[in-house]
PDB file of all heavy atoms in Angstrom:
ATOM      1  N   TYR A   1     -10.420  10.820 -40.767  1.00  0.00           N
ATOM      2  CA  TYR A   1     -10.090  12.164 -40.301  1.00  0.00           C
ATOM      3  C   TYR A   1     -11.114  12.670 -39.279  1.00  0.00           C
ATOM      4  O   TYR A   1     -10.770  13.395 -38.348  1.00  0.00           O
ATOM      5  CB  TYR A   1      -9.942  13.155 -41.467  1.00  0.00           C
ATOM      6  CG  TYR A   1     -11.207  13.468 -42.222  1.00  0.00           C
ATOM      7  CD1 TYR A   1     -12.034  14.524 -41.829  1.00  0.00           C
ATOM      8  CD2 TYR A   1     -11.576  12.737 -43.349  1.00  0.00           C
ATOM      9  CE1 TYR A   1     -13.198  14.823 -42.528  1.00  0.00           C
ATOM     10  CE2 TYR A   1     -12.723  13.028 -44.060  1.00  0.00           C
ATOM     11  CZ  TYR A   1     -13.531  14.073 -43.643  1.00  0.00           C
ATOM     12  OH  TYR A   1     -14.674  14.370 -44.335  1.00  0.00           O
ATOM     13  N   ARG A   2     -12.377  12.266 -39.427  1.00  0.00           N
ATOM     14  CA  ARG A   2     -13.390  12.659 -38.447  1.00  0.00           C
ATOM     15  C   ARG A   2     -13.150  11.946 -37.124  1.00  0.00           C
ATOM     16  O   ARG A   2     -13.227  12.544 -36.052  1.00  0.00           O
ATOM     17  CB  ARG A   2     -14.788  12.327 -38.950  1.00  0.00           C
ATOM     18  CG  ARG A   2     -15.249  13.151 -40.118  1.00  0.00           C
ATOM     19  CD  ARG A   2     -16.670  12.768 -40.499  1.00  0.00           C
ATOM     20  NE  ARG A   2     -16.998  13.222 -41.824  1.00  0.00           N
ATOM     21  CZ  ARG A   2     -17.817  12.593 -42.638  1.00  0.00           C
ATOM     22  NH1 ARG A   2     -18.423  11.473 -42.251  1.00  0.00           N
ATOM     23  NH2 ARG A   2     -18.064  13.065 -43.842  1.00  0.00           N
ATOM     24  N   LEU A   3     -12.887  10.670 -37.213  1.00  0.00           N
ATOM     25  CA  LEU A   3     -12.636   9.879 -36.013  1.00  0.00           C
ATOM     26  C   LEU A   3     -11.419  10.411 -35.267  1.00  0.00           C
ATOM     27  O   LEU A   3     -11.449  10.587 -34.049  1.00  0.00           O
ATOM     28  CB  LEU A   3     -12.448   8.408 -36.394  1.00  0.00           C
ATOM     29  CG  LEU A   3     -12.373   7.399 -35.263  1.00  0.00           C
ATOM     30  CD1 LEU A   3     -13.585   7.495 -34.344  1.00  0.00           C
ATOM     31  CD2 LEU A   3     -12.247   6.001 -35.830  1.00  0.00           C
ATOM     32  N   ARG A   4     -10.343  10.704 -35.986  1.00  0.00           N
ATOM     33  CA  ARG A   4      -9.124  11.256 -35.354  1.00  0.00           C
ATOM     34  C   ARG A   4      -9.413  12.592 -34.682  1.00  0.00           C
ATOM     35  O   ARG A   4      -8.945  12.855 -33.584  1.00  0.00           O
ATOM     36  CB  ARG A   4      -8.017  11.447 -36.381  1.00  0.00           C
ATOM     37  CG  ARG A   4      -7.159  10.240 -36.616  1.00  0.00           C
ATOM     38  CD  ARG A   4      -5.884  10.575 -37.385  1.00  0.00           C
ATOM     39  NE  ARG A   4      -6.108  11.381 -38.578  1.00  0.00           N
ATOM     40  CZ  ARG A   4      -6.451  10.908 -39.776  1.00  0.00           C
ATOM     41  NH1 ARG A   4      -6.630   9.612 -39.935  1.00  0.00           N
ATOM     42  NH2 ARG A   4      -6.625  11.717 -40.795  1.00  0.00           N
ATOM     43  N   ALA A   5     -10.179  13.430 -35.351  1.00  0.00           N
ATOM     44  CA  ALA A   5     -10.468  14.760 -34.811  1.00  0.00           C
ATOM     45  C   ALA A   5     -11.288  14.694 -33.534  1.00  0.00           C
ATOM     46  O   ALA A   5     -11.052  15.467 -32.604  1.00  0.00           O
ATOM     47  CB  ALA A   5     -11.209  15.598 -35.856  1.00  0.00           C
ATOM     48  N   GLU A   6     -12.229  13.788 -33.463  1.00  0.00           N
ATOM     49  CA  GLU A   6     -13.115  13.722 -32.298  1.00  0.00           C
ATOM     50  C   GLU A   6     -12.616  12.802 -31.196  1.00  0.00           C
ATOM     51  O   GLU A   6     -12.953  12.998 -30.038  1.00  0.00           O
ATOM     52  CB  GLU A   6     -14.524  13.303 -32.725  1.00  0.00           C
ATOM     53  CG  GLU A   6     -15.212  14.314 -33.589  1.00  0.00           C
ATOM     54  CD  GLU A   6     -15.327  15.703 -32.961  1.00  0.00           C
ATOM     55  OE1 GLU A   6     -14.968  15.919 -31.789  1.00  0.00           O
ATOM     56  OE2 GLU A   6     -15.781  16.598 -33.670  1.00  0.00           O
ATOM     57  N   ALA A   7     -11.838  11.810 -31.520  1.00  0.00           N
ATOM     58  CA  ALA A   7     -11.373  10.846 -30.514  1.00  0.00           C
ATOM     59  C   ALA A   7     -10.019  11.265 -29.955  1.00  0.00           C
ATOM     60  O   ALA A   7      -9.077  10.496 -29.910  1.00  0.00           O
ATOM     61  CB  ALA A   7     -11.300   9.450 -31.123  1.00  0.00           C
ATOM     62  N   ARG A   8      -9.953  12.504 -29.510  1.00  0.00           N
ATOM     63  CA  ARG A   8      -8.689  13.027 -28.971  1.00  0.00           C
ATOM     64  C   ARG A   8      -8.475  12.634 -27.520  1.00  0.00           C
ATOM     65  O   ARG A   8      -7.356  12.628 -27.043  1.00  0.00           O
ATOM     66  CB  ARG A   8      -8.669  14.549 -29.110  1.00  0.00           C
ATOM     67  CG  ARG A   8      -8.632  15.009 -30.555  1.00  0.00           C
ATOM     68  CD  ARG A   8      -8.602  16.511 -30.616  1.00  0.00           C
ATOM     69  NE  ARG A   8      -9.751  17.060 -29.929  1.00  0.00           N
ATOM     70  CZ  ARG A   8     -10.574  17.954 -30.423  1.00  0.00           C
ATOM     71  NH1 ARG A   8     -10.379  18.427 -31.617  1.00  0.00           N
ATOM     72  NH2 ARG A   8     -11.600  18.397 -29.736  1.00  0.00           N
ATOM     73  N   ASP A   9      -9.535  12.347 -26.797  1.00  0.00           N
ATOM     74  CA  ASP A   9      -9.381  11.931 -25.405  1.00  0.00           C
ATOM     75  C   ASP A   9      -9.784  10.463 -25.265  1.00  0.00           C
ATOM     76  O   ASP A   9     -10.460   9.903 -26.122  1.00  0.00           O
ATOM     77  CB  ASP A   9     -10.213  12.821 -24.466  1.00  0.00           C
ATOM     78  CG  ASP A   9     -11.688  12.775 -24.793  1.00  0.00           C
ATOM     79  OD1 ASP A   9     -12.335  11.772 -24.435  1.00  0.00           O
ATOM     80  OD2 ASP A   9     -12.184  13.733 -25.419  1.00  0.00           O
ATOM     81  N   ARG A  10      -9.342   9.854 -24.190  1.00  0.00           N
ATOM     82  CA  ARG A  10      -9.563   8.415 -23.980  1.00  0.00           C
ATOM     83  C   ARG A  10     -11.038   8.048 -23.945  1.00  0.00           C
ATOM     84  O   ARG A  10     -11.470   7.051 -24.529  1.00  0.00           O
ATOM     85  CB  ARG A  10      -8.871   7.984 -22.688  1.00  0.00           C
ATOM     86  CG  ARG A  10      -8.672   6.489 -22.611  1.00  0.00           C
ATOM     87  CD  ARG A  10      -7.851   6.101 -21.418  1.00  0.00           C
ATOM     88  NE  ARG A  10      -8.688   5.200 -20.646  1.00  0.00           N
ATOM     89  CZ  ARG A  10      -8.744   5.137 -19.342  1.00  0.00           C
ATOM     90  NH1 ARG A  10      -7.982   5.912 -18.611  1.00  0.00           N
ATOM     91  NH2 ARG A  10      -9.529   4.302 -18.735  1.00  0.00           N
ATOM     92  N   GLN A  11     -11.838   8.849 -23.272  1.00  0.00           N
ATOM     93  CA  GLN A  11     -13.265   8.548 -23.135  1.00  0.00           C
ATOM     94  C   GLN A  11     -13.969   8.553 -24.496  1.00  0.00           C
ATOM     95  O   GLN A  11     -14.735   7.647 -24.809  1.00  0.00           O
ATOM     96  CB  GLN A  11     -13.920   9.560 -22.200  1.00  0.00           C
ATOM     97  CG  GLN A  11     -15.394   9.294 -21.975  1.00  0.00           C
ATOM     98  CD  GLN A  11     -16.040  10.340 -21.079  1.00  0.00           C
ATOM     99  OE1 GLN A  11     -15.415  11.332 -20.715  1.00  0.00           O
ATOM    100  NE2 GLN A  11     -17.278  10.113 -20.720  1.00  0.00           N
ATOM    101  N   THR A  12     -13.693   9.556 -25.319  1.00  0.00           N
ATOM    102  CA  THR A  12     -14.335   9.631 -26.628  1.00  0.00           C
ATOM    103  C   THR A  12     -13.816   8.535 -27.546  1.00  0.00           C
ATOM    104  O   THR A  12     -14.582   7.958 -28.324  1.00  0.00           O
ATOM    105  CB  THR A  12     -14.115  11.022 -27.267  1.00  0.00           C
ATOM    106  OG1 THR A  12     -14.508  12.019 -26.328  1.00  0.00           O
ATOM    107  CG2 THR A  12     -14.921  11.190 -28.525  1.00  0.00           C
ATOM    108  N   LYS A  13     -12.512   8.247 -27.456  1.00  0.00           N
ATOM    109  CA  LYS A  13     -11.935   7.153 -28.248  1.00  0.00           C
ATOM    110  C   LYS A  13     -12.671   5.848 -27.955  1.00  0.00           C
ATOM    111  O   LYS A  13     -13.048   5.113 -28.859  1.00  0.00           O
ATOM    112  CB  LYS A  13     -10.454   6.971 -27.886  1.00  0.00           C
ATOM    113  CG  LYS A  13      -9.508   7.249 -28.989  1.00  0.00           C
ATOM    114  CD  LYS A  13      -8.103   6.962 -28.531  1.00  0.00           C
ATOM    115  CE  LYS A  13      -7.263   8.133 -28.983  1.00  0.00           C
ATOM    116  NZ  LYS A  13      -5.902   8.073 -28.558  1.00  0.00           N
ATOM    117  N   GLN A  14     -12.854   5.584 -26.674  1.00  0.00           N
ATOM    118  CA  GLN A  14     -13.544   4.356 -26.263  1.00  0.00           C
ATOM    119  C   GLN A  14     -14.997   4.358 -26.742  1.00  0.00           C
ATOM    120  O   GLN A  14     -15.496   3.354 -27.247  1.00  0.00           O
ATOM    121  CB  GLN A  14     -13.489   4.211 -24.744  1.00  0.00           C
ATOM    122  CG  GLN A  14     -14.098   2.931 -24.231  1.00  0.00           C
ATOM    123  CD  GLN A  14     -14.023   2.846 -22.719  1.00  0.00           C
ATOM    124  OE1 GLN A  14     -13.774   3.839 -22.035  1.00  0.00           O
ATOM    125  NE2 GLN A  14     -14.249   1.657 -22.201  1.00  0.00           N
ATOM    126  N   LEU A  15     -15.652   5.493 -26.613  1.00  0.00           N
ATOM    127  CA  LEU A  15     -17.052   5.598 -27.012  1.00  0.00           C
ATOM    128  C   LEU A  15     -17.231   5.354 -28.506  1.00  0.00           C
ATOM    129  O   LEU A  15     -18.164   4.680 -28.927  1.00  0.00           O
ATOM    130  CB  LEU A  15     -17.587   6.983 -26.648  1.00  0.00           C
ATOM    131  CG  LEU A  15     -19.052   7.242 -26.941  1.00  0.00           C
ATOM    132  CD1 LEU A  15     -19.942   6.353 -26.083  1.00  0.00           C
ATOM    133  CD2 LEU A  15     -19.382   8.692 -26.702  1.00  0.00           C
ATOM    134  N   LEU A  16     -16.327   5.876 -29.319  1.00  0.00           N
ATOM    135  CA  LEU A  16     -16.453   5.746 -30.770  1.00  0.00           C
ATOM    136  C   LEU A  16     -15.810   4.479 -31.327  1.00  0.00           C
ATOM    137  O   LEU A  16     -15.926   4.196 -32.510  1.00  0.00           O
ATOM    138  CB  LEU A  16     -15.882   6.985 -31.462  1.00  0.00           C
ATOM    139  CG  LEU A  16     -16.628   8.297 -31.196  1.00  0.00           C
ATOM    140  CD1 LEU A  16     -15.914   9.462 -31.856  1.00  0.00           C
ATOM    141  CD2 LEU A  16     -18.078   8.209 -31.646  1.00  0.00           C
ATOM    142  N   SER A  17     -15.135   3.717 -30.469  1.00  0.00           N
ATOM    143  CA  SER A  17     -14.464   2.506 -30.948  1.00  0.00           C
ATOM    144  C   SER A  17     -15.446   1.381 -31.269  1.00  0.00           C
ATOM    145  O   SER A  17     -15.155   0.514 -32.082  1.00  0.00           O
ATOM    146  CB  SER A  17     -13.425   2.021 -29.931  1.00  0.00           C
ATOM    147  OG  SER A  17     -14.070   1.569 -28.756  1.00  0.00           O
ATOM    148  N   GLN A  18     -16.601   1.388 -30.625  1.00  0.00           N
ATOM    149  CA  GLN A  18     -17.629   0.395 -30.944  1.00  0.00           C
ATOM    150  C   GLN A  18     -19.007   0.998 -30.694  1.00  0.00           C
ATOM    151  O   GLN A  18     -19.176   1.846 -29.833  1.00  0.00           O
ATOM    152  CB  GLN A  18     -17.455  -0.886 -30.145  1.00  0.00           C
ATOM    153  CG  GLN A  18     -17.684  -0.748 -28.646  1.00  0.00           C
ATOM    154  CD  GLN A  18     -17.435  -2.054 -27.933  1.00  0.00           C
ATOM    155  OE1 GLN A  18     -16.558  -2.815 -28.309  1.00  0.00           O
ATOM    156  NE2 GLN A  18     -18.206  -2.330 -26.910  1.00  0.00           N
ATOM    157  N   TYR A  19     -19.955   0.541 -31.456  1.00  0.00           N
ATOM    158  CA  TYR A  19     -21.306   1.078 -31.381  1.00  0.00           C
ATOM    159  C   TYR A  19     -21.986   0.626 -30.094  1.00  0.00           C
ATOM    160  O   TYR A  19     -22.102  -0.570 -29.827  1.00  0.00           O
ATOM    161  CB  TYR A  19     -22.106   0.608 -32.599  1.00  0.00           C
ATOM    162  CG  TYR A  19     -23.503   1.168 -32.648  1.00  0.00           C
ATOM    163  CD1 TYR A  19     -23.719   2.475 -33.052  1.00  0.00           C
ATOM    164  CD2 TYR A  19     -24.594   0.396 -32.294  1.00  0.00           C
ATOM    165  CE1 TYR A  19     -24.999   3.005 -33.107  1.00  0.00           C
ATOM    166  CE2 TYR A  19     -25.874   0.909 -32.353  1.00  0.00           C
ATOM    167  CZ  TYR A  19     -26.065   2.214 -32.747  1.00  0.00           C
ATOM    168  OH  TYR A  19     -27.334   2.736 -32.807  1.00  0.00           O
ATOM    169  N   ASP A  20     -22.399   1.598 -29.284  1.00  0.00           N
ATOM    170  CA  ASP A  20     -23.140   1.328 -28.058  1.00  0.00           C
ATOM    171  C   ASP A  20     -24.267   2.357 -28.006  1.00  0.00           C
ATOM    172  O   ASP A  20     -24.052   3.514 -27.633  1.00  0.00           O
ATOM    173  CB  ASP A  20     -22.221   1.464 -26.846  1.00  0.00           C
ATOM    174  CG  ASP A  20     -22.918   1.159 -25.525  1.00  0.00           C
ATOM    175  OD1 ASP A  20     -24.146   1.373 -25.416  1.00  0.00           O
ATOM    176  OD2 ASP A  20     -22.219   0.720 -24.596  1.00  0.00           O
ATOM    177  N   GLU A  21     -25.444   1.927 -28.413  1.00  0.00           N
ATOM    178  CA  GLU A  21     -26.573   2.841 -28.581  1.00  0.00           C
ATOM    179  C   GLU A  21     -26.867   3.676 -27.345  1.00  0.00           C
ATOM    180  O   GLU A  21     -27.057   4.895 -27.438  1.00  0.00           O
ATOM    181  CB  GLU A  21     -27.818   2.055 -28.999  1.00  0.00           C
ATOM    182  CG  GLU A  21     -28.969   2.955 -29.354  1.00  0.00           C
ATOM    183  CD  GLU A  21     -30.138   2.196 -29.951  1.00  0.00           C
ATOM    184  OE1 GLU A  21     -29.910   1.250 -30.718  1.00  0.00           O
ATOM    185  OE2 GLU A  21     -31.281   2.574 -29.638  1.00  0.00           O
ATOM    186  N   GLU A  22     -26.907   3.057 -26.193  1.00  0.00           N
ATOM    187  CA  GLU A  22     -27.270   3.786 -24.969  1.00  0.00           C
ATOM    188  C   GLU A  22     -26.217   4.833 -24.593  1.00  0.00           C
ATOM    189  O   GLU A  22     -26.546   5.965 -24.249  1.00  0.00           O
ATOM    190  CB  GLU A  22     -27.492   2.814 -23.807  1.00  0.00           C
ATOM    191  CG  GLU A  22     -28.018   3.491 -22.565  1.00  0.00           C
ATOM    192  CD  GLU A  22     -29.270   4.336 -22.799  1.00  0.00           C
ATOM    193  OE1 GLU A  22     -30.178   3.899 -23.516  1.00  0.00           O
ATOM    194  OE2 GLU A  22     -29.343   5.461 -22.261  1.00  0.00           O
ATOM    195  N   ARG A  23     -24.956   4.476 -24.677  1.00  0.00           N
ATOM    196  CA  ARG A  23     -23.888   5.427 -24.316  1.00  0.00           C
ATOM    197  C   ARG A  23     -23.818   6.592 -25.298  1.00  0.00           C
ATOM    198  O   ARG A  23     -23.612   7.738 -24.907  1.00  0.00           O
ATOM    199  CB  ARG A  23     -22.541   4.706 -24.233  1.00  0.00           C
ATOM    200  CG  ARG A  23     -22.482   3.768 -23.031  1.00  0.00           C
ATOM    201  CD  ARG A  23     -21.177   3.036 -22.927  1.00  0.00           C
ATOM    202  NE  ARG A  23     -20.112   3.991 -22.605  1.00  0.00           N
ATOM    203  CZ  ARG A  23     -18.849   3.820 -22.942  1.00  0.00           C
ATOM    204  NH1 ARG A  23     -18.478   2.747 -23.604  1.00  0.00           N
ATOM    205  NH2 ARG A  23     -17.942   4.708 -22.608  1.00  0.00           N
ATOM    206  N   ILE A  24     -24.011   6.308 -26.560  1.00  0.00           N
ATOM    207  CA  ILE A  24     -23.969   7.376 -27.562  1.00  0.00           C
ATOM    208  C   ILE A  24     -25.198   8.274 -27.414  1.00  0.00           C
ATOM    209  O   ILE A  24     -25.092   9.496 -27.522  1.00  0.00           O
ATOM    210  CB  ILE A  24     -23.820   6.796 -28.979  1.00  0.00           C
ATOM    211  CG1 ILE A  24     -22.479   6.059 -29.101  1.00  0.00           C
ATOM    212  CG2 ILE A  24     -23.916   7.902 -30.031  1.00  0.00           C
ATOM    213  CD1 ILE A  24     -22.336   5.186 -30.331  1.00  0.00           C
ATOM    214  N   ALA A  25     -26.346   7.697 -27.142  1.00  0.00           N
ATOM    215  CA  ALA A  25     -27.557   8.506 -26.912  1.00  0.00           C
ATOM    216  C   ALA A  25     -27.354   9.421 -25.710  1.00  0.00           C
ATOM    217  O   ALA A  25     -27.746  10.601 -25.742  1.00  0.00           O
ATOM    218  CB  ALA A  25     -28.771   7.608 -26.698  1.00  0.00           C
ATOM    219  N   ARG A  26     -26.739   8.924 -24.662  1.00  0.00           N
ATOM    220  CA  ARG A  26     -26.462   9.741 -23.479  1.00  0.00           C
ATOM    221  C   ARG A  26     -25.525  10.898 -23.843  1.00  0.00           C
ATOM    222  O   ARG A  26     -25.738  12.041 -23.446  1.00  0.00           O
ATOM    223  CB  ARG A  26     -25.874   8.883 -22.359  1.00  0.00           C
ATOM    224  CG  ARG A  26     -25.702   9.625 -21.062  1.00  0.00           C
ATOM    225  CD  ARG A  26     -25.298   8.750 -19.870  1.00  0.00           C
ATOM    226  NE  ARG A  26     -24.400   7.657 -20.183  1.00  0.00           N
ATOM    227  CZ  ARG A  26     -24.736   6.355 -20.179  1.00  0.00           C
ATOM    228  NH1 ARG A  26     -25.948   5.984 -19.885  1.00  0.00           N
ATOM    229  NH2 ARG A  26     -23.854   5.430 -20.461  1.00  0.00           N
ATOM    230  N   LEU A  27     -24.487  10.603 -24.636  1.00  0.00           N
ATOM    231  CA  LEU A  27     -23.564  11.647 -25.091  1.00  0.00           C
ATOM    232  C   LEU A  27     -24.320  12.715 -25.886  1.00  0.00           C
ATOM    233  O   LEU A  27     -24.133  13.913 -25.658  1.00  0.00           O
ATOM    234  CB  LEU A  27     -22.456  11.045 -25.966  1.00  0.00           C
ATOM    235  CG  LEU A  27     -21.580  12.064 -26.703  1.00  0.00           C
ATOM    236  CD1 LEU A  27     -20.646  12.755 -25.726  1.00  0.00           C
ATOM    237  CD2 LEU A  27     -20.797  11.394 -27.803  1.00  0.00           C
ATOM    238  N   ILE A  28     -25.176  12.304 -26.795  1.00  0.00           N
ATOM    239  CA  ILE A  28     -25.935  13.251 -27.616  1.00  0.00           C
ATOM    240  C   ILE A  28     -26.821  14.132 -26.731  1.00  0.00           C
ATOM    241  O   ILE A  28     -26.895  15.352 -26.918  1.00  0.00           O
ATOM    242  CB  ILE A  28     -26.767  12.515 -28.688  1.00  0.00           C
ATOM    243  CG1 ILE A  28     -25.841  11.833 -29.702  1.00  0.00           C
ATOM    244  CG2 ILE A  28     -27.722  13.479 -29.390  1.00  0.00           C
ATOM    245  CD1 ILE A  28     -26.545  10.853 -30.628  1.00  0.00           C
ATOM    246  N   ARG A  29     -27.495  13.530 -25.751  1.00  0.00           N
ATOM    247  CA  ARG A  29     -28.348  14.312 -24.844  1.00  0.00           C
ATOM    248  C   ARG A  29     -27.530  15.329 -24.043  1.00  0.00           C
ATOM    249  O   ARG A  29     -27.933  16.471 -23.880  1.00  0.00           O
ATOM    250  CB  ARG A  29     -29.096  13.389 -23.881  1.00  0.00           C
ATOM    251  CG  ARG A  29     -30.302  12.711 -24.484  1.00  0.00           C
ATOM    252  CD  ARG A  29     -31.153  11.997 -23.440  1.00  0.00           C
ATOM    253  NE  ARG A  29     -30.442  10.993 -22.679  1.00  0.00           N
ATOM    254  CZ  ARG A  29     -30.303   9.711 -23.045  1.00  0.00           C
ATOM    255  NH1 ARG A  29     -30.827   9.281 -24.171  1.00  0.00           N
ATOM    256  NH2 ARG A  29     -29.648   8.870 -22.283  1.00  0.00           N
ATOM    257  N   GLU A  30     -26.362  14.893 -23.533  1.00  0.00           N
ATOM    258  CA  GLU A  30     -25.555  15.746 -22.666  1.00  0.00           C
ATOM    259  C   GLU A  30     -24.745  16.787 -23.437  1.00  0.00           C
ATOM    260  O   GLU A  30     -24.531  17.889 -22.941  1.00  0.00           O
ATOM    261  CB  GLU A  30     -24.604  14.890 -21.822  1.00  0.00           C
ATOM    262  CG  GLU A  30     -25.325  14.032 -20.817  1.00  0.00           C
ATOM    263  CD  GLU A  30     -24.419  13.021 -20.129  1.00  0.00           C
ATOM    264  OE1 GLU A  30     -23.199  13.000 -20.420  1.00  0.00           O
ATOM    265  OE2 GLU A  30     -24.932  12.265 -19.294  1.00  0.00           O
ATOM    266  N   MET A  31     -24.247  16.409 -24.580  1.00  0.00           N
ATOM    267  CA  MET A  31     -23.365  17.326 -25.304  1.00  0.00           C
ATOM    268  C   MET A  31     -24.159  18.213 -26.266  1.00  0.00           C
ATOM    269  O   MET A  31     -24.566  19.278 -25.853  1.00  0.00           O
ATOM    270  CB  MET A  31     -22.267  16.553 -26.027  1.00  0.00           C
ATOM    271  CG  MET A  31     -21.266  15.955 -25.062  1.00  0.00           C
ATOM    272  SD  MET A  31     -20.216  17.197 -24.371  1.00  0.00           S
ATOM    273  CE  MET A  31     -18.646  16.540 -24.811  1.00  0.00           C
ATOM    274  N   PRO A  32     -24.392  17.787 -27.454  1.00  0.00           N
ATOM    275  CA  PRO A  32     -24.944  18.811 -28.348  1.00  0.00           C
ATOM    276  C   PRO A  32     -26.326  19.309 -27.940  1.00  0.00           C
ATOM    277  O   PRO A  32     -26.600  20.505 -28.020  1.00  0.00           O
ATOM    278  CB  PRO A  32     -24.973  18.131 -29.715  1.00  0.00           C
ATOM    279  CG  PRO A  32     -24.971  16.674 -29.457  1.00  0.00           C
ATOM    280  CD  PRO A  32     -24.214  16.510 -28.169  1.00  0.00           C
ATOM    281  N   MET A  33     -27.191  18.423 -27.452  1.00  0.00           N
ATOM    282  CA  MET A  33     -28.549  18.873 -27.141  1.00  0.00           C
ATOM    283  C   MET A  33     -28.576  19.838 -25.956  1.00  0.00           C
ATOM    284  O   MET A  33     -29.057  20.967 -26.067  1.00  0.00           O
ATOM    285  CB  MET A  33     -29.461  17.674 -26.896  1.00  0.00           C
ATOM    286  CG  MET A  33     -29.773  16.889 -28.132  1.00  0.00           C
ATOM    287  SD  MET A  33     -30.909  15.525 -27.764  1.00  0.00           S
ATOM    288  CE  MET A  33     -31.372  15.028 -29.416  1.00  0.00           C
ATOM    289  N   ASP A  34     -28.069  19.403 -24.805  1.00  0.00           N
ATOM    290  CA  ASP A  34     -28.103  20.261 -23.623  1.00  0.00           C
ATOM    291  C   ASP A  34     -27.199  21.480 -23.768  1.00  0.00           C
ATOM    292  O   ASP A  34     -27.575  22.586 -23.385  1.00  0.00           O
ATOM    293  CB  ASP A  34     -27.701  19.475 -22.372  1.00  0.00           C
ATOM    294  CG  ASP A  34     -28.795  18.537 -21.898  1.00  0.00           C
ATOM    295  OD1 ASP A  34     -29.943  18.670 -22.363  1.00  0.00           O
ATOM    296  OD2 ASP A  34     -28.497  17.664 -21.066  1.00  0.00           O
ATOM    297  N   LYS A  35     -26.011  21.294 -24.315  1.00  0.00           N
ATOM    298  CA  LYS A  35     -25.070  22.418 -24.460  1.00  0.00           C
ATOM    299  C   LYS A  35     -25.627  23.474 -25.406  1.00  0.00           C
ATOM    300  O   LYS A  35     -25.560  24.658 -25.131  1.00  0.00           O
ATOM    301  CB  LYS A  35     -23.712  21.940 -24.975  1.00  0.00           C
ATOM    302  CG  LYS A  35     -22.989  21.008 -24.052  1.00  0.00           C
ATOM    303  CD  LYS A  35     -22.338  21.755 -22.932  1.00  0.00           C
ATOM    304  CE  LYS A  35     -21.475  20.775 -22.151  1.00  0.00           C
ATOM    305  NZ  LYS A  35     -21.378  21.071 -20.762  1.00  0.00           N
ATOM    306  N   TRP A  36     -26.169  23.035 -26.545  1.00  0.00           N
ATOM    307  CA  TRP A  36     -26.673  24.001 -27.509  1.00  0.00           C
ATOM    308  C   TRP A  36     -27.901  24.723 -26.955  1.00  0.00           C
ATOM    309  O   TRP A  36     -28.016  25.946 -27.041  1.00  0.00           O
ATOM    310  CB  TRP A  36     -26.986  23.331 -28.836  1.00  0.00           C
ATOM    311  CG  TRP A  36     -27.135  24.285 -29.990  1.00  0.00           C
ATOM    312  CD1 TRP A  36     -27.150  25.661 -29.942  1.00  0.00           C
ATOM    313  CD2 TRP A  36     -27.287  23.942 -31.356  1.00  0.00           C
ATOM    314  NE1 TRP A  36     -27.305  26.177 -31.208  1.00  0.00           N
ATOM    315  CE2 TRP A  36     -27.400  25.147 -32.100  1.00  0.00           C
ATOM    316  CE3 TRP A  36     -27.358  22.735 -32.045  1.00  0.00           C
ATOM    317  CZ2 TRP A  36     -27.560  25.161 -33.482  1.00  0.00           C
ATOM    318  CZ3 TRP A  36     -27.518  22.760 -33.417  1.00  0.00           C
ATOM    319  CH2 TRP A  36     -27.611  23.967 -34.131  1.00  0.00           C
ATOM    320  N   SER A  37     -28.817  23.973 -26.352  1.00  0.00           N
ATOM    321  CA  SER A  37     -30.016  24.633 -25.822  1.00  0.00           C
ATOM    322  C   SER A  37     -29.655  25.579 -24.680  1.00  0.00           C
ATOM    323  O   SER A  37     -30.295  26.618 -24.515  1.00  0.00           O
ATOM    324  CB  SER A  37     -31.054  23.607 -25.368  1.00  0.00           C
ATOM    325  OG  SER A  37     -30.604  22.889 -24.248  1.00  0.00           O
ATOM    326  N   GLY A  38     -28.610  25.259 -23.931  1.00  0.00           N
ATOM    327  CA  GLY A  38     -28.179  26.126 -22.838  1.00  0.00           C
ATOM    328  C   GLY A  38     -27.541  27.420 -23.299  1.00  0.00           C
ATOM    329  O   GLY A  38     -27.568  28.422 -22.590  1.00  0.00           O
TER     330      GLY A  38
END
């Protein structure tokens, strides 16, 4: 249910379909970290 909720778009589906440390770290920096601090 978490995966379905978050993988609504193609880019996120692809990102969560397999573990890729660098791409996920980039997502974390750009999304929750930068967005929340902003």
